[in-house]
């Protein structure tokens, strides 16, 4: 019997030209993911060749660029040409900026880059929304167009814009080779969901020999496994077994169950998005690249202001550096500061999606941050730490309701249901069942969203004892995380990362 099982497995996994064609072909319903078995096997082969090219800079850059374009092709099909077009246009524009001393011409070139990048983003992501808005204002009816949204377009366009602006400001010198710039824009670990990497941080690392120490390799592997665990074991499980059921029919559940649904979503989106960032940063470490931290345990925050210093750090940094400060920041009085904050947060919400709930979500946080800065922040700071944490989490959870709701009406209805308005009461036996039956997943999610797990790993590595014993304990932890991730991965349906659609 065991022989028959082994024979069947081998027959199902033997190489065929048809399977090779599937690997090389884009499938819209199965894009390549860090959490897929295909990427795992491709990555092993890629890493072996990459390390053999570590002393050949140009060959390494060409090789990584080709693999990155293949990776993006497996995510968005022929729209990978859009990525190449973005890289080519901004490479040429940066060259033009560097070869002219005319202030007017330099500004015109920057404007051209903004028009190209924001124009593409506007068409693919916002065309239907803006068309419907203008049509409704004119008293007509908009027929929605079926426009494909290339994966990660919001990330790589912002990254390319920052490069052109930094060249214009004189912070960096433009790259001399086209292939080098395509390498920067298309580098696959952070291509489709961030973190957004600034050129002045990334480009100097391109030309260094990728010497990776055993410690750096181990840290990269740890981050990859952490990210995989967050995505497959925590995020996907909470989504399919709890959150989605409540969101599909909130009126069928009690207020407490709906509150738990929002709490579950907060953990789901954190583990999903930070899991991708962990894997991207871990992959970068294995290639000899250092990416800045994108999440720093945001749910330990004691204010909304602190939360946004810890959540999606690369995006917050981008808006502060390329929008808020150029608008004047806080240098031109309180009224101007308030206006600038509202503009930045409206754009932040709009960046996430072409819908009114995202705009409302951005303005909601803008208003909260303004109130914390100018009205009640000084009083909140005097509260006990636990009270401040509860205060922050309540406002953050309300923000997530705005974020996941398909409309503003749904968001208002959901908040009402959370407080027992129109719901099946505040609590019943089923609510207790959901709470108790999912306690282990919630516990793992809480551990994953705090520094406890990371500190535990570091304490094991630094504890007194033999090096062999530490390696064994570390290896066991790695194997457990990988085995659990694999078990959940093979038993669950396809679940792309949430931020793929942004």
Protein backbone atom coordinates (compact mmCIF):
# COMPACT_ATOMS: atom_id res chain seq x y z
CA UNK A 1 0.00 0.00 0.00
CA UNK A 2 2.81 2.40 0.91
CA UNK A 3 4.49 1.56 -2.41
CA UNK A 4 1.29 2.42 -4.31
CA UNK A 5 0.99 5.77 -2.50
CA UNK A 6 4.61 6.65 -3.35
CA UNK A 7 4.12 5.59 -6.97
CA UNK A 8 0.98 7.72 -7.31
CA UNK A 9 2.74 10.72 -5.80
CA UNK A 10 5.69 10.39 -8.18
CA UNK A 11 3.39 10.00 -11.18
CA UNK A 12 1.55 13.19 -10.23
CA UNK A 13 4.77 15.17 -9.74
CA UNK A 14 6.91 13.95 -12.62
CA UNK A 15 8.18 16.49 -15.12
CA UNK A 16 6.26 17.09 -18.34
CA UNK A 17 6.55 19.79 -20.98
CA UNK A 18 2.95 20.71 -20.26
CA UNK A 19 3.84 21.46 -16.64
CA UNK A 20 6.80 23.54 -17.80
CA UNK A 21 4.41 25.51 -19.98
CA UNK A 22 2.18 26.10 -16.96
CA UNK A 23 5.15 27.42 -14.98
CA UNK A 24 6.05 29.85 -17.76
CA UNK A 25 2.46 30.95 -18.46
CA UNK A 26 0.38 33.53 -16.60
CA UNK A 27 -2.85 32.26 -15.01
CA UNK A 28 -5.15 35.06 -13.85
CA UNK A 29 -6.76 32.88 -11.17
CA UNK A 30 -3.45 31.66 -9.74
CA UNK A 31 -0.81 34.42 -9.63
CA UNK A 32 2.52 33.52 -8.09
CA UNK A 33 2.70 34.18 -4.34
CA UNK A 34 5.45 34.03 -1.74
CA UNK A 35 3.22 31.51 0.05
CA UNK A 36 2.96 29.15 -2.95
CA UNK A 37 4.86 25.94 -3.54
CA UNK A 38 5.87 27.13 -7.04
CA UNK A 39 7.65 30.15 -5.63
CA UNK A 40 9.39 28.00 -3.01
CA UNK A 41 11.00 25.75 -5.63
CA UNK A 42 11.78 28.62 -8.02
CA UNK A 43 13.38 30.57 -5.20
CA UNK A 44 15.77 27.72 -4.28
CA UNK A 45 17.03 27.52 -7.87
CA UNK A 46 17.15 31.30 -8.18
CA UNK A 47 19.19 31.71 -4.99
CA UNK A 48 21.80 29.14 -6.04
CA UNK A 49 22.46 30.91 -9.35
CA UNK A 50 22.31 34.34 -7.69
CA UNK A 51 25.06 33.48 -5.20
CA UNK A 52 27.25 32.12 -8.02
CA UNK A 53 27.02 35.57 -9.66
CA UNK A 54 27.84 37.58 -6.53
CA UNK A 55 31.19 38.79 -7.96
CA UNK A 56 29.75 39.69 -11.37
CA UNK A 57 27.71 42.84 -10.81
CA UNK A 58 26.27 43.39 -14.28
CA UNK A 59 25.42 39.70 -14.81
CA UNK A 60 23.77 39.61 -11.39
CA UNK A 61 21.72 42.72 -12.12
CA UNK A 62 20.54 41.36 -15.48
CA UNK A 63 19.70 37.98 -13.95
CA UNK A 64 17.68 39.44 -11.05
CA UNK A 65 15.89 41.86 -13.38
CA UNK A 66 14.81 39.05 -15.71
CA UNK A 67 13.57 36.96 -12.79
CA UNK A 68 11.74 39.97 -11.33
CA UNK A 69 10.00 40.64 -14.66
CA UNK A 70 9.06 36.96 -14.86
CA UNK A 71 7.72 37.18 -11.29
CA UNK A 72 5.61 40.21 -12.20
CA UNK A 73 4.43 38.53 -15.41
CA UNK A 74 3.19 35.61 -13.29
CA UNK A 75 1.30 38.16 -11.18
CA UNK A 76 -0.19 40.41 -13.89
CA UNK A 77 0.41 38.79 -17.27
CA UNK A 78 1.41 40.99 -20.18
CA UNK A 79 0.89 44.07 -18.02
CA UNK A 80 4.51 43.58 -16.95
CA UNK A 81 5.13 45.81 -19.99
CA UNK A 82 3.56 48.63 -17.97
CA UNK A 83 6.28 48.20 -15.37
CA UNK A 84 8.96 48.32 -18.07
CA UNK A 85 7.36 51.44 -19.57
CA UNK A 86 7.30 53.18 -16.17
CA UNK A 87 10.93 52.35 -15.57
CA UNK A 88 12.00 53.44 -19.05
CA UNK A 89 10.15 56.77 -19.02
CA UNK A 90 11.40 57.79 -15.57
CA UNK A 91 14.94 56.65 -16.37
CA UNK A 92 14.98 58.92 -19.43
CA UNK A 93 13.29 61.80 -17.57
CA UNK A 94 15.88 61.62 -14.78
CA UNK A 95 18.64 61.73 -17.40
CA UNK A 96 17.07 64.85 -18.91
CA UNK A 97 16.83 66.50 -15.48
CA UNK A 98 20.50 65.87 -14.80
CA UNK A 99 21.57 67.32 -18.17
CA UNK A 100 19.80 70.67 -17.88
CA UNK A 101 20.42 73.60 -15.55
CA UNK A 102 17.21 75.43 -16.41
CA UNK A 103 14.95 75.46 -13.36
CA UNK A 104 11.86 75.72 -15.55
CA UNK A 105 12.84 72.74 -17.71
CA UNK A 106 13.69 70.65 -14.65
CA UNK A 107 10.26 71.37 -13.18
CA UNK A 108 8.62 70.53 -16.50
CA UNK A 109 10.39 67.16 -16.56
CA UNK A 110 9.22 66.40 -13.01
CA UNK A 111 5.70 67.40 -14.03
CA UNK A 112 5.94 65.07 -17.04
CA UNK A 113 6.94 62.18 -14.76
CA UNK A 114 4.03 62.91 -12.43
CA UNK A 115 1.60 63.08 -15.35
CA UNK A 116 2.80 59.73 -16.73
CA UNK A 117 2.80 57.87 -13.40
CA UNK A 118 -0.32 59.40 -11.90
CA UNK A 119 -2.04 59.23 -15.29
CA UNK A 120 -1.48 55.46 -15.47
CA UNK A 121 -2.53 55.08 -11.84
CA UNK A 122 -5.59 57.23 -12.50
CA UNK A 123 -6.67 55.17 -15.50
CA UNK A 124 -6.19 51.69 -14.10
CA UNK A 125 -7.32 52.41 -10.55
CA UNK A 126 -9.59 55.46 -10.56
CA UNK A 127 -11.10 55.81 -14.04
CA UNK A 128 -14.44 54.20 -13.18
CA UNK A 129 -14.72 56.07 -9.87
CA UNK A 130 -13.99 59.47 -11.41
CA UNK A 131 -16.15 58.73 -14.44
CA UNK A 132 -19.09 57.81 -12.21
CA UNK A 133 -18.51 60.95 -10.11
CA UNK A 134 -18.55 63.32 -13.09
CA UNK A 135 -21.44 61.51 -14.77
CA UNK A 136 -23.58 61.70 -11.62
CA UNK A 137 -22.76 65.42 -11.28
CA UNK A 138 -23.99 65.91 -14.86
CA UNK A 139 -27.17 63.95 -14.13
CA UNK A 140 -26.24 60.93 -16.25
CA UNK A 141 -25.54 57.26 -15.59
CA UNK A 142 -22.06 55.74 -15.81
CA UNK A 143 -21.53 52.37 -17.46
CA UNK A 144 -18.69 50.77 -15.54
CA UNK A 145 -15.76 49.59 -17.68
CA UNK A 146 -13.95 46.34 -17.03
CA UNK A 147 -10.40 47.62 -16.42
CA UNK A 148 -7.72 45.23 -15.20
CA UNK A 149 -5.78 46.49 -12.16
CA UNK A 150 -2.10 45.50 -12.46
CA UNK A 151 -0.84 44.07 -9.19
CA UNK A 152 1.23 46.49 -7.10
CA UNK A 153 0.82 49.47 -9.44
CA UNK A 154 0.38 51.83 -6.47
CA UNK A 155 3.69 50.65 -5.03
CA UNK A 156 6.00 50.76 -8.03
CA UNK A 157 4.62 54.07 -9.36
CA UNK A 158 5.24 55.76 -6.00
CA UNK A 159 8.70 54.25 -5.89
CA UNK A 160 9.50 55.55 -9.36
CA UNK A 161 8.11 59.02 -8.56
CA UNK A 162 10.36 59.28 -5.51
CA UNK A 163 13.41 58.54 -7.68
CA UNK A 164 12.65 61.36 -10.14
CA UNK A 165 11.95 63.83 -7.33
CA UNK A 166 15.16 62.91 -5.51
CA UNK A 167 17.15 63.42 -8.73
CA UNK A 168 15.47 66.80 -9.16
CA UNK A 169 16.30 67.76 -5.57
CA UNK A 170 19.92 66.70 -6.05
CA UNK A 171 19.78 64.03 -3.35
CA UNK A 172 20.95 61.28 -5.71
CA UNK A 173 22.71 61.05 -9.05
CA UNK A 174 20.71 59.44 -11.86
CA UNK A 175 21.62 55.90 -12.80
CA UNK A 176 23.67 55.61 -15.97
CA UNK A 177 22.35 52.27 -17.18
CA UNK A 178 18.74 51.50 -18.03
CA UNK A 179 19.01 47.93 -16.72
CA UNK A 180 20.10 49.24 -13.31
CA UNK A 181 16.97 51.33 -13.00
CA UNK A 182 14.70 48.47 -14.12
CA UNK A 183 16.42 46.38 -11.43
CA UNK A 184 15.53 49.00 -8.80
CA UNK A 185 11.88 49.38 -9.83
CA UNK A 186 11.19 45.69 -10.43
CA UNK A 187 13.14 44.02 -7.57
CA UNK A 188 10.70 41.22 -6.86
CA UNK A 189 10.76 40.79 -3.03
CA UNK A 190 8.98 44.12 -2.45
CA UNK A 191 7.53 44.69 -5.91
CA UNK A 192 3.83 43.96 -5.53
CA UNK A 193 3.05 44.94 -1.91
CA UNK A 194 5.96 46.94 -0.56
CA UNK A 195 7.63 48.15 1.45
CA UNK A 196 8.12 51.23 -0.73
CA UNK A 197 11.90 51.54 -1.05
CA UNK A 198 13.58 54.89 -1.67
CA UNK A 199 16.23 54.97 -4.37
CA UNK A 200 18.85 56.58 -2.11
CA UNK A 201 18.51 53.67 0.31
CA UNK A 202 18.43 50.91 -2.30
CA UNK A 203 20.74 51.90 -5.16
CA UNK A 204 24.04 51.92 -3.20
CA UNK A 205 23.35 48.31 -2.19
CA UNK A 206 23.00 47.18 -5.82
CA UNK A 207 26.72 47.43 -6.51
CA UNK A 208 28.00 45.71 -3.38
CA UNK A 209 28.96 42.07 -3.48
CA UNK A 210 26.07 40.22 -1.78
CA UNK A 211 28.07 38.74 1.07
CA UNK A 212 25.57 37.22 3.50
CA UNK A 213 26.75 36.00 6.88
CA UNK A 214 25.31 32.93 8.55
CA UNK A 215 23.57 35.19 11.06
CA UNK A 216 22.01 37.35 8.31
CA UNK A 217 20.89 34.28 6.38
CA UNK A 218 19.31 32.83 9.53
CA UNK A 219 17.55 36.10 10.30
CA UNK A 220 16.24 36.25 6.73
CA UNK A 221 14.96 32.68 6.99
CA UNK A 222 13.32 33.47 10.33
CA UNK A 223 11.51 36.49 8.85
CA UNK A 224 10.33 34.45 5.85
CA UNK A 225 8.94 31.72 8.11
CA UNK A 226 7.32 34.31 10.39
CA UNK A 227 5.67 35.96 7.41
CA UNK A 228 4.51 32.63 6.00
CA UNK A 229 3.13 31.62 9.40
CA UNK A 230 1.28 34.93 9.82
CA UNK A 231 -0.27 34.64 6.36
CA UNK A 232 -1.26 30.98 6.15
CA UNK A 233 -1.85 29.95 9.77
CA UNK A 234 -3.33 33.13 11.26
CA UNK A 235 -4.62 35.52 8.58
CA UNK A 236 -6.20 33.03 6.18
CA UNK A 237 -7.66 30.91 8.99
CA UNK A 238 -9.28 33.89 10.74
CA UNK A 239 -10.60 35.14 7.42
CA UNK A 240 -12.25 31.94 6.22
CA UNK A 241 -13.47 30.55 9.53
CA UNK A 242 -14.62 33.66 11.32
CA UNK A 243 -14.33 37.12 9.79
CA UNK A 244 -15.88 36.44 6.36
CA UNK A 245 -18.91 34.71 7.89
CA UNK A 246 -19.76 37.73 10.02
CA UNK A 247 -19.04 40.33 7.33
CA UNK A 248 -21.28 38.52 4.82
CA UNK A 249 -24.34 38.84 7.11
CA UNK A 250 -23.66 41.06 10.15
CA UNK A 251 -27.36 41.29 11.11
CA UNK A 252 -27.43 37.55 11.83
CA UNK A 253 -24.92 37.98 14.63
CA UNK A 254 -24.91 39.73 17.97
CA UNK A 255 -23.15 42.98 18.74
CA UNK A 256 -20.27 41.25 20.52
CA UNK A 257 -19.81 38.83 17.62
CA UNK A 258 -19.63 41.75 15.20
CA UNK A 259 -17.12 43.44 17.49
CA UNK A 260 -15.06 40.23 17.52
CA UNK A 261 -15.34 40.21 13.72
CA UNK A 262 -13.72 43.66 13.52
CA UNK A 263 -11.06 42.59 16.01
CA UNK A 264 -10.46 39.47 13.91
CA UNK A 265 -10.15 41.61 10.77
CA UNK A 266 -7.63 43.88 12.53
CA UNK A 267 -5.50 40.83 13.27
CA UNK A 268 -6.12 39.37 9.81
CA UNK A 269 -4.99 42.42 7.84
CA UNK A 270 -2.00 42.95 10.13
CA UNK A 271 -0.81 39.34 9.83
CA UNK A 272 -1.48 39.37 6.08
CA UNK A 273 0.26 42.66 5.26
CA UNK A 274 3.08 42.50 7.81
CA UNK A 275 3.54 38.85 6.84
CA UNK A 276 4.25 39.91 3.25
CA UNK A 277 6.61 42.64 4.48
CA UNK A 278 8.42 40.15 6.72
CA UNK A 279 8.93 37.80 3.78
CA UNK A 280 10.06 40.66 1.51
CA UNK A 281 12.57 41.90 4.11
CA UNK A 282 13.74 38.33 4.78
CA UNK A 283 14.25 37.63 1.07
CA UNK A 284 16.15 40.89 0.77
CA UNK A 285 18.46 39.86 3.60
CA UNK A 286 19.23 36.60 1.83
CA UNK A 287 20.28 38.62 -1.23
CA UNK A 288 22.39 41.05 0.80
CA UNK A 289 19.84 43.90 0.81
CA UNK A 290 18.58 45.74 3.87
CA UNK A 291 15.02 47.09 3.77
CA UNK A 292 13.66 49.43 6.41
CA UNK A 293 11.10 48.03 8.84
CA UNK A 294 7.52 48.45 7.58
CA UNK A 295 5.60 47.44 10.72
CA UNK A 296 6.71 47.93 14.31
CA UNK A 297 4.08 46.21 16.46
CA UNK A 298 1.35 48.79 15.76
CA UNK A 299 -1.25 47.28 18.09
CA UNK A 300 0.80 48.08 21.18
CA UNK A 301 0.16 51.79 20.50
CA UNK A 302 -1.39 54.06 23.11
CA UNK A 303 -2.55 56.71 20.63
CA UNK A 304 -3.62 56.88 17.00
CA UNK A 305 -0.60 59.08 16.27
CA UNK A 306 1.70 56.36 17.59
CA UNK A 307 -0.21 53.74 15.60
CA UNK A 308 0.59 55.53 12.34
CA UNK A 309 4.25 55.74 13.28
CA UNK A 310 4.23 51.96 13.50
CA UNK A 311 1.83 50.89 10.68
CA UNK A 312 2.91 50.78 7.00
CA UNK A 313 5.91 52.95 7.83
CA UNK A 314 7.18 53.18 4.25
CA UNK A 315 3.89 54.67 2.99
CA UNK A 316 3.61 57.14 5.88
CA UNK A 317 7.22 58.18 5.27
CA UNK A 318 6.56 58.62 1.54
CA UNK A 319 3.57 60.90 2.07
CA UNK A 320 5.39 62.92 4.71
CA UNK A 321 8.48 63.42 2.55
CA UNK A 322 6.88 63.94 -0.87
CA UNK A 323 3.51 65.54 -0.01
CA UNK A 324 3.24 66.88 3.56
CA UNK A 325 6.61 68.67 3.76
CA UNK A 326 6.39 70.18 0.23
CA UNK A 327 2.94 71.53 1.16
CA UNK A 328 4.54 73.35 4.06
CA UNK A 329 4.24 70.75 6.80
CA UNK A 330 3.75 72.42 10.17
CA UNK A 331 5.94 75.41 9.35
CA UNK A 332 3.18 77.85 8.32
CA UNK A 333 0.86 78.03 11.30
CA UNK A 334 -1.82 75.81 12.79
CA UNK A 335 -4.49 76.41 10.16
CA UNK A 336 -2.09 75.48 7.35
CA UNK A 337 -0.93 72.42 9.29
CA UNK A 338 -4.53 71.24 9.67
CA UNK A 339 -5.17 71.75 5.95
CA UNK A 340 -2.01 69.87 5.03
CA UNK A 341 -2.90 66.96 7.30
CA UNK A 342 -6.38 66.69 5.81
CA UNK A 343 -4.96 66.74 2.25
CA UNK A 344 -2.37 64.08 3.05
CA UNK A 345 -4.85 61.78 4.76
CA UNK A 346 -7.48 62.17 2.07
CA UNK A 347 -4.82 61.15 -0.47
CA UNK A 348 -3.72 58.29 1.80
CA UNK A 349 -7.26 56.95 1.84
CA UNK A 350 -7.63 57.46 -1.92
CA UNK A 351 -4.33 55.62 -2.49
CA UNK A 352 -5.85 52.52 -0.90
CA UNK A 353 -8.83 52.38 -3.22
CA UNK A 354 -11.24 54.20 -5.53
CA UNK A 355 -14.25 54.29 -3.22
CA UNK A 356 -15.84 56.74 -0.81
CA UNK A 357 -15.25 54.50 2.18
CA UNK A 358 -11.48 54.77 1.62
CA UNK A 359 -11.70 58.56 1.34
CA UNK A 360 -13.77 58.62 4.54
CA UNK A 361 -11.25 56.29 6.19
CA UNK A 362 -8.39 58.64 5.34
CA UNK A 363 -10.28 61.76 6.51
CA UNK A 364 -11.33 59.94 9.68
CA UNK A 365 -7.70 59.37 10.62
CA UNK A 366 -6.76 62.88 9.54
CA UNK A 367 -9.38 64.35 11.88
CA UNK A 368 -8.35 62.05 14.77
CA UNK A 369 -4.68 63.01 14.34
CA UNK A 370 -5.57 66.71 14.24
CA UNK A 371 -7.64 66.36 17.44
CA UNK A 372 -4.80 64.48 19.15
CA UNK A 373 -2.33 67.15 18.09
CA UNK A 374 -4.34 70.26 18.92
CA UNK A 375 -7.22 69.33 21.26
CA UNK A 376 -7.11 66.30 23.53
CA UNK A 377 -3.68 64.73 22.98
CA UNK A 378 -2.15 66.46 26.01
CA UNK A 379 -4.92 65.10 28.25
CA UNK A 380 -4.73 61.56 26.83
CA UNK A 381 -1.01 61.43 27.66
CA UNK A 382 -1.86 61.75 31.36
CA UNK A 383 -4.13 58.68 31.38
CA UNK A 384 -2.83 55.28 32.62
CA UNK A 385 -1.16 53.20 29.92
CA UNK A 386 -3.90 50.54 29.81
CA UNK A 387 -6.62 53.18 29.39
CA UNK A 388 -4.67 54.89 26.60
CA UNK A 389 -4.26 51.55 24.85
CA UNK A 390 -8.01 50.83 25.02
CA UNK A 391 -8.72 54.36 23.74
CA UNK A 392 -6.40 53.82 20.76
CA UNK A 393 -7.76 50.35 19.92
CA UNK A 394 -11.39 51.54 19.97
CA UNK A 395 -10.62 54.29 17.44
CA UNK A 396 -8.48 51.93 15.34
CA UNK A 397 -11.23 49.27 15.21
CA UNK A 398 -13.78 51.87 14.08
CA UNK A 399 -11.29 52.86 11.39
CA UNK A 400 -11.11 49.25 10.17
CA UNK A 401 -14.91 49.19 9.82
CA UNK A 402 -14.62 52.10 7.37
CA UNK A 403 -11.76 50.34 5.60
CA UNK A 404 -13.39 46.98 4.89
CA UNK A 405 -16.94 48.23 4.29
CA UNK A 406 -18.14 48.21 0.65
CA UNK A 407 -19.98 51.50 1.26
CA UNK A 408 -20.42 54.23 3.85
CA UNK A 409 -23.96 53.00 4.51
CA UNK A 410 -22.68 49.52 5.32
CA UNK A 411 -20.06 51.00 7.66
CA UNK A 412 -22.65 53.01 9.62
CA UNK A 413 -24.93 49.98 9.82
CA UNK A 414 -22.10 47.76 11.01
CA UNK A 415 -21.07 50.19 13.76
CA UNK A 416 -24.69 50.31 14.87
CA UNK A 417 -24.89 46.52 14.97
CA UNK A 418 -21.73 46.42 17.10
CA UNK A 419 -23.60 48.43 19.72
CA UNK A 420 -26.73 46.26 19.49
CA UNK A 421 -28.78 48.39 17.07
CA UNK A 422 -30.60 46.05 14.68
CA UNK A 423 -28.59 43.04 15.80
CA UNK A 424 -29.65 39.83 17.53
CA UNK A 425 -28.88 41.34 20.91
CA UNK A 426 -25.47 42.02 22.35
CA UNK A 427 -24.39 38.48 23.21
CA UNK A 428 -25.64 34.89 23.10
CA UNK A 429 -24.29 31.36 23.46
CA UNK A 430 -23.07 31.25 19.86
CA UNK A 431 -20.91 34.30 20.49
CA UNK A 432 -19.27 32.59 23.43
CA UNK A 433 -18.72 29.53 21.24
CA UNK A 434 -16.93 31.62 18.58
CA UNK A 435 -14.83 33.28 21.24
CA UNK A 436 -13.81 30.07 22.98
CA UNK A 437 -13.37 27.90 19.87
CA UNK A 438 -10.95 30.38 18.30
CA UNK A 439 -8.98 31.34 21.41
CA UNK A 440 -5.79 29.61 20.23
CA UNK A 441 -5.75 31.44 16.89
CA UNK A 442 -6.45 34.75 18.60
CA UNK A 443 -3.64 34.05 21.06
CA UNK A 444 -1.20 33.32 18.22
CA UNK A 445 -2.36 36.47 16.42
CA UNK A 446 -1.81 38.59 19.51
CA UNK A 447 1.65 37.08 19.95
CA UNK A 448 2.38 37.72 16.28
CA UNK A 449 1.32 41.36 16.54
CA UNK A 450 3.55 42.04 19.55
CA UNK A 451 7.25 41.67 20.16
CA UNK A 452 6.82 38.62 22.41
CA UNK A 453 7.56 36.03 19.72
CA UNK A 454 10.59 37.92 18.40
CA UNK A 455 12.00 38.39 21.91
CA UNK A 456 11.48 34.69 22.63
CA UNK A 457 13.52 33.77 19.57
CA UNK A 458 16.29 36.18 20.52
CA UNK A 459 16.36 34.90 24.12
CA UNK A 460 16.80 31.33 22.87
CA UNK A 461 19.74 32.39 20.70
CA UNK A 462 21.38 34.37 23.52
CA UNK A 463 20.68 31.94 26.36
CA UNK A 464 23.64 30.23 28.03
CA UNK A 465 24.38 26.76 26.76
CA UNK A 466 26.05 24.95 23.90
CA UNK A 467 25.84 26.28 20.37
CA UNK A 468 24.59 22.90 19.16
CA UNK A 469 21.70 23.01 21.63
CA UNK A 470 20.69 26.47 20.45
CA UNK A 471 20.84 25.35 16.83
CA UNK A 472 18.62 22.37 17.64
CA UNK A 473 16.03 24.51 19.46
CA UNK A 474 16.07 27.08 16.66
CA UNK A 475 15.75 24.35 14.05
CA UNK A 476 12.80 22.80 15.88
CA UNK A 477 11.02 26.17 15.99
CA UNK A 478 11.65 26.66 12.27
CA UNK A 479 10.36 23.19 11.45
CA UNK A 480 7.21 23.63 13.54
CA UNK A 481 6.42 26.99 11.91
CA UNK A 482 7.08 25.58 8.44
CA UNK A 483 5.08 22.40 9.07
CA UNK A 484 2.07 24.32 10.38
CA UNK A 485 2.26 26.77 7.47
CA UNK A 486 2.47 23.93 4.97
CA UNK A 487 -0.42 22.06 6.59
CA UNK A 488 -2.68 25.12 6.45
CA UNK A 489 -1.49 25.98 2.95
CA UNK A 490 -2.41 22.63 1.38
CA UNK A 491 -5.82 22.47 3.09
CA UNK A 492 -6.98 25.99 2.22
CA UNK A 493 -8.13 27.54 -1.03
CA UNK A 494 -6.22 30.24 -2.91
CA UNK A 495 -5.99 33.47 -0.86
CA UNK A 496 -3.96 36.32 -2.34
CA UNK A 497 -2.46 38.94 -0.07
CA UNK A 498 -4.98 41.66 0.79
CA UNK A 499 -2.72 44.48 -0.37
CA UNK A 500 -2.37 42.97 -3.87
CA UNK A 501 -5.46 44.96 -4.84
CA UNK A 502 -3.93 48.26 -3.71
